[in-house]
Amino acid sequence: MTTKNLIKTAAPEAPADEVKTVRVTSALGSGVETITLSHHLNIEGVSYLPGTKIRVPSDYARRLHRQGYVART
């Protein structure tokens, strides 16, 4: 019996000062905010770890804040 390697190679980590911009389909004409995640979050098939800084539309940032996904800074 053969064993498959199920561990995926991790993508190289982004530098700490780099902020990823997330494209969310529900954003219509709103500004963009930078947030720091407090929990693991999956947005449109992309996983973001706690502590990741991302740019999201303002309305989406408010929803994430209400749901507890935005870290207190």
N, C-alpha and C. Protein backbone atom coordinates (compact mmCIF):
# COMPACT_ATOMS: atom_id res chain seq x y z
N MET A 1 0.83 -1.16 0.00
CA MET A 1 0.00 0.00 0.00
C MET A 1 0.89 1.24 0.00
N THR A 2 0.56 2.22 -0.82
CA THR A 2 1.36 3.44 -0.89
C THR A 2 0.69 4.54 -0.09
N THR A 3 1.51 5.43 0.39
CA THR A 3 1.02 6.57 1.16
C THR A 3 1.23 7.83 0.36
N LYS A 4 0.16 8.59 0.22
CA LYS A 4 0.26 9.86 -0.51
C LYS A 4 0.65 10.96 0.47
N ASN A 5 1.43 11.89 -0.03
CA ASN A 5 1.81 13.03 0.78
C ASN A 5 0.67 14.04 0.72
N LEU A 6 -0.08 14.17 1.82
CA LEU A 6 -1.24 15.04 1.85
C LEU A 6 -0.92 16.46 2.30
N ILE A 7 0.31 16.71 2.68
CA ILE A 7 0.69 18.04 3.13
C ILE A 7 0.98 18.92 1.91
N LYS A 8 0.25 20.00 1.82
CA LYS A 8 0.47 20.94 0.73
C LYS A 8 1.60 21.88 1.12
N THR A 9 2.40 22.25 0.16
CA THR A 9 3.47 23.19 0.46
C THR A 9 2.86 24.57 0.66
N ALA A 10 3.29 25.22 1.69
CA ALA A 10 2.75 26.54 2.02
C ALA A 10 3.36 27.58 1.11
N ALA A 11 2.53 28.52 0.74
CA ALA A 11 3.03 29.64 -0.07
C ALA A 11 3.95 30.48 0.79
N PRO A 12 4.92 31.12 0.20
CA PRO A 12 5.82 31.96 0.99
C PRO A 12 5.04 33.05 1.70
N GLU A 13 5.41 33.31 2.94
CA GLU A 13 4.72 34.31 3.75
C GLU A 13 5.01 35.71 3.21
N ALA A 14 3.99 36.54 3.24
CA ALA A 14 4.14 37.92 2.81
C ALA A 14 4.88 38.69 3.90
N PRO A 15 5.67 39.69 3.53
CA PRO A 15 6.34 40.51 4.54
C PRO A 15 5.30 41.12 5.48
N ALA A 16 5.70 41.38 6.72
CA ALA A 16 4.77 41.86 7.74
C ALA A 16 4.12 43.19 7.36
N ASP A 17 4.81 44.03 6.59
CA ASP A 17 4.25 45.33 6.27
C ASP A 17 3.38 45.31 5.01
N GLU A 18 3.30 44.18 4.32
CA GLU A 18 2.49 44.07 3.10
C GLU A 18 1.06 43.75 3.48
N VAL A 19 0.11 44.46 2.88
CA VAL A 19 -1.31 44.25 3.15
C VAL A 19 -1.96 43.80 1.87
N LYS A 20 -2.69 42.68 1.94
CA LYS A 20 -3.36 42.14 0.76
C LYS A 20 -4.72 42.81 0.60
N THR A 21 -5.08 43.11 -0.64
CA THR A 21 -6.40 43.66 -0.94
C THR A 21 -7.30 42.51 -1.34
N VAL A 22 -8.43 42.39 -0.65
CA VAL A 22 -9.37 41.32 -0.89
C VAL A 22 -10.50 41.83 -1.76
N ARG A 23 -10.82 41.09 -2.78
CA ARG A 23 -11.93 41.47 -3.66
C ARG A 23 -13.17 40.71 -3.20
N VAL A 24 -14.17 41.47 -2.79
CA VAL A 24 -15.42 40.89 -2.34
C VAL A 24 -16.50 41.31 -3.30
N THR A 25 -17.31 40.37 -3.74
CA THR A 25 -18.29 40.65 -4.78
C THR A 25 -19.42 41.56 -4.33
N SER A 26 -19.62 41.71 -3.02
CA SER A 26 -20.73 42.51 -2.53
C SER A 26 -20.40 44.00 -2.41
N ALA A 27 -19.18 44.39 -2.73
CA ALA A 27 -18.77 45.79 -2.56
C ALA A 27 -19.24 46.62 -3.75
N LEU A 28 -20.02 47.64 -3.44
CA LEU A 28 -20.48 48.54 -4.49
C LEU A 28 -20.23 49.98 -4.07
N GLY A 29 -19.25 50.61 -4.65
CA GLY A 29 -19.00 52.02 -4.44
C GLY A 29 -18.64 52.44 -3.03
N SER A 30 -18.02 51.56 -2.27
CA SER A 30 -17.63 51.95 -0.92
C SER A 30 -16.12 52.12 -0.84
N GLY A 31 -15.67 52.79 0.21
CA GLY A 31 -14.24 52.97 0.42
C GLY A 31 -13.59 51.67 0.85
N VAL A 32 -12.28 51.71 1.04
CA VAL A 32 -11.52 50.53 1.43
C VAL A 32 -10.87 50.77 2.78
N GLU A 33 -10.95 49.75 3.66
CA GLU A 33 -10.34 49.85 4.99
C GLU A 33 -9.35 48.71 5.17
N THR A 34 -8.32 48.96 5.97
CA THR A 34 -7.35 47.92 6.33
C THR A 34 -7.73 47.38 7.70
N ILE A 35 -7.89 46.06 7.79
CA ILE A 35 -8.25 45.44 9.06
C ILE A 35 -7.25 44.34 9.39
N THR A 36 -7.15 43.99 10.67
CA THR A 36 -6.33 42.87 11.13
C THR A 36 -7.29 41.81 11.64
N LEU A 37 -7.16 40.60 11.10
CA LEU A 37 -8.07 39.52 11.48
C LEU A 37 -7.74 38.94 12.85
N SER A 38 -8.78 38.62 13.61
CA SER A 38 -8.59 37.99 14.91
C SER A 38 -8.86 36.49 14.85
N HIS A 39 -9.47 36.03 13.76
CA HIS A 39 -9.78 34.61 13.59
C HIS A 39 -9.46 34.19 12.16
N HIS A 40 -9.35 32.89 11.93
CA HIS A 40 -9.17 32.36 10.59
C HIS A 40 -10.40 32.72 9.77
N LEU A 41 -10.21 33.14 8.54
CA LEU A 41 -11.31 33.55 7.68
C LEU A 41 -11.07 33.07 6.27
N ASN A 42 -12.10 32.57 5.62
CA ASN A 42 -12.04 32.12 4.24
C ASN A 42 -12.92 33.05 3.40
N ILE A 43 -12.31 33.79 2.48
CA ILE A 43 -13.05 34.72 1.63
C ILE A 43 -12.89 34.26 0.19
N GLU A 44 -13.99 33.85 -0.41
CA GLU A 44 -14.04 33.42 -1.81
C GLU A 44 -12.93 32.42 -2.15
N GLY A 45 -12.75 31.43 -1.28
CA GLY A 45 -11.80 30.35 -1.54
C GLY A 45 -10.37 30.61 -1.10
N VAL A 46 -10.09 31.77 -0.52
CA VAL A 46 -8.74 32.08 -0.05
C VAL A 46 -8.77 32.14 1.47
N SER A 47 -7.87 31.40 2.11
CA SER A 47 -7.82 31.36 3.57
C SER A 47 -6.86 32.42 4.10
N TYR A 48 -7.29 33.11 5.15
CA TYR A 48 -6.48 34.12 5.81
C TYR A 48 -6.35 33.73 7.28
N LEU A 49 -5.14 33.74 7.80
CA LEU A 49 -4.86 33.36 9.17
C LEU A 49 -5.07 34.53 10.13
N PRO A 50 -5.27 34.25 11.43
CA PRO A 50 -5.37 35.33 12.40
C PRO A 50 -4.11 36.19 12.39
N GLY A 51 -4.28 37.49 12.50
CA GLY A 51 -3.15 38.42 12.48
C GLY A 51 -2.84 38.96 11.10
N THR A 52 -3.48 38.41 10.08
CA THR A 52 -3.26 38.88 8.71
C THR A 52 -3.94 40.24 8.52
N LYS A 53 -3.23 41.16 7.90
CA LYS A 53 -3.80 42.46 7.58
C LYS A 53 -4.29 42.40 6.14
N ILE A 54 -5.56 42.79 5.95
CA ILE A 54 -6.15 42.78 4.61
C ILE A 54 -6.92 44.08 4.40
N ARG A 55 -7.08 44.44 3.12
CA ARG A 55 -7.89 45.60 2.75
C ARG A 55 -9.21 45.08 2.20
N VAL A 56 -10.29 45.57 2.77
CA VAL A 56 -11.63 45.15 2.35
C VAL A 56 -12.51 46.39 2.22
N PRO A 57 -13.60 46.28 1.47
CA PRO A 57 -14.54 47.41 1.39
C PRO A 57 -15.09 47.76 2.78
N SER A 58 -15.43 49.02 2.99
CA SER A 58 -15.88 49.51 4.29
C SER A 58 -17.09 48.76 4.83
N ASP A 59 -18.07 48.51 3.98
CA ASP A 59 -19.27 47.81 4.46
C ASP A 59 -18.94 46.37 4.89
N TYR A 60 -18.04 45.72 4.18
CA TYR A 60 -17.62 44.37 4.55
C TYR A 60 -16.81 44.39 5.84
N ALA A 61 -15.99 45.42 6.04
CA ALA A 61 -15.21 45.57 7.27
C ALA A 61 -16.15 45.74 8.46
N ARG A 62 -17.22 46.50 8.31
CA ARG A 62 -18.19 46.67 9.39
C ARG A 62 -18.85 45.35 9.75
N ARG A 63 -19.21 44.56 8.74
CA ARG A 63 -19.82 43.26 9.00
C ARG A 63 -18.84 42.33 9.72
N LEU A 64 -17.59 42.32 9.28
CA LEU A 64 -16.59 41.47 9.94
C LEU A 64 -16.35 41.92 11.38
N HIS A 65 -16.37 43.23 11.61
CA HIS A 65 -16.17 43.76 12.96
C HIS A 65 -17.32 43.31 13.88
N ARG A 66 -18.56 43.42 13.40
CA ARG A 66 -19.72 43.00 14.19
C ARG A 66 -19.68 41.51 14.51
N GLN A 67 -19.15 40.71 13.59
CA GLN A 67 -19.11 39.25 13.78
C GLN A 67 -17.90 38.80 14.58
N GLY A 68 -17.00 39.72 14.95
CA GLY A 68 -15.87 39.38 15.80
C GLY A 68 -14.62 38.93 15.06
N TYR A 69 -14.53 39.19 13.76
CA TYR A 69 -13.36 38.79 12.98
C TYR A 69 -12.25 39.81 12.96
N VAL A 70 -12.51 41.03 13.43
CA VAL A 70 -11.52 42.10 13.40
C VAL A 70 -10.86 42.20 14.78
N ALA A 71 -9.53 42.16 14.80
CA ALA A 71 -8.78 42.23 16.06
C ALA A 71 -8.85 43.63 16.63
N ARG A 72 -8.88 43.70 17.93
CA ARG A 72 -8.83 45.01 18.60
C ARG A 72 -7.39 45.48 18.62
N THR A 73 -7.18 46.71 18.19
CA THR A 73 -5.82 47.24 18.16
C THR A 73 -5.68 48.46 19.02
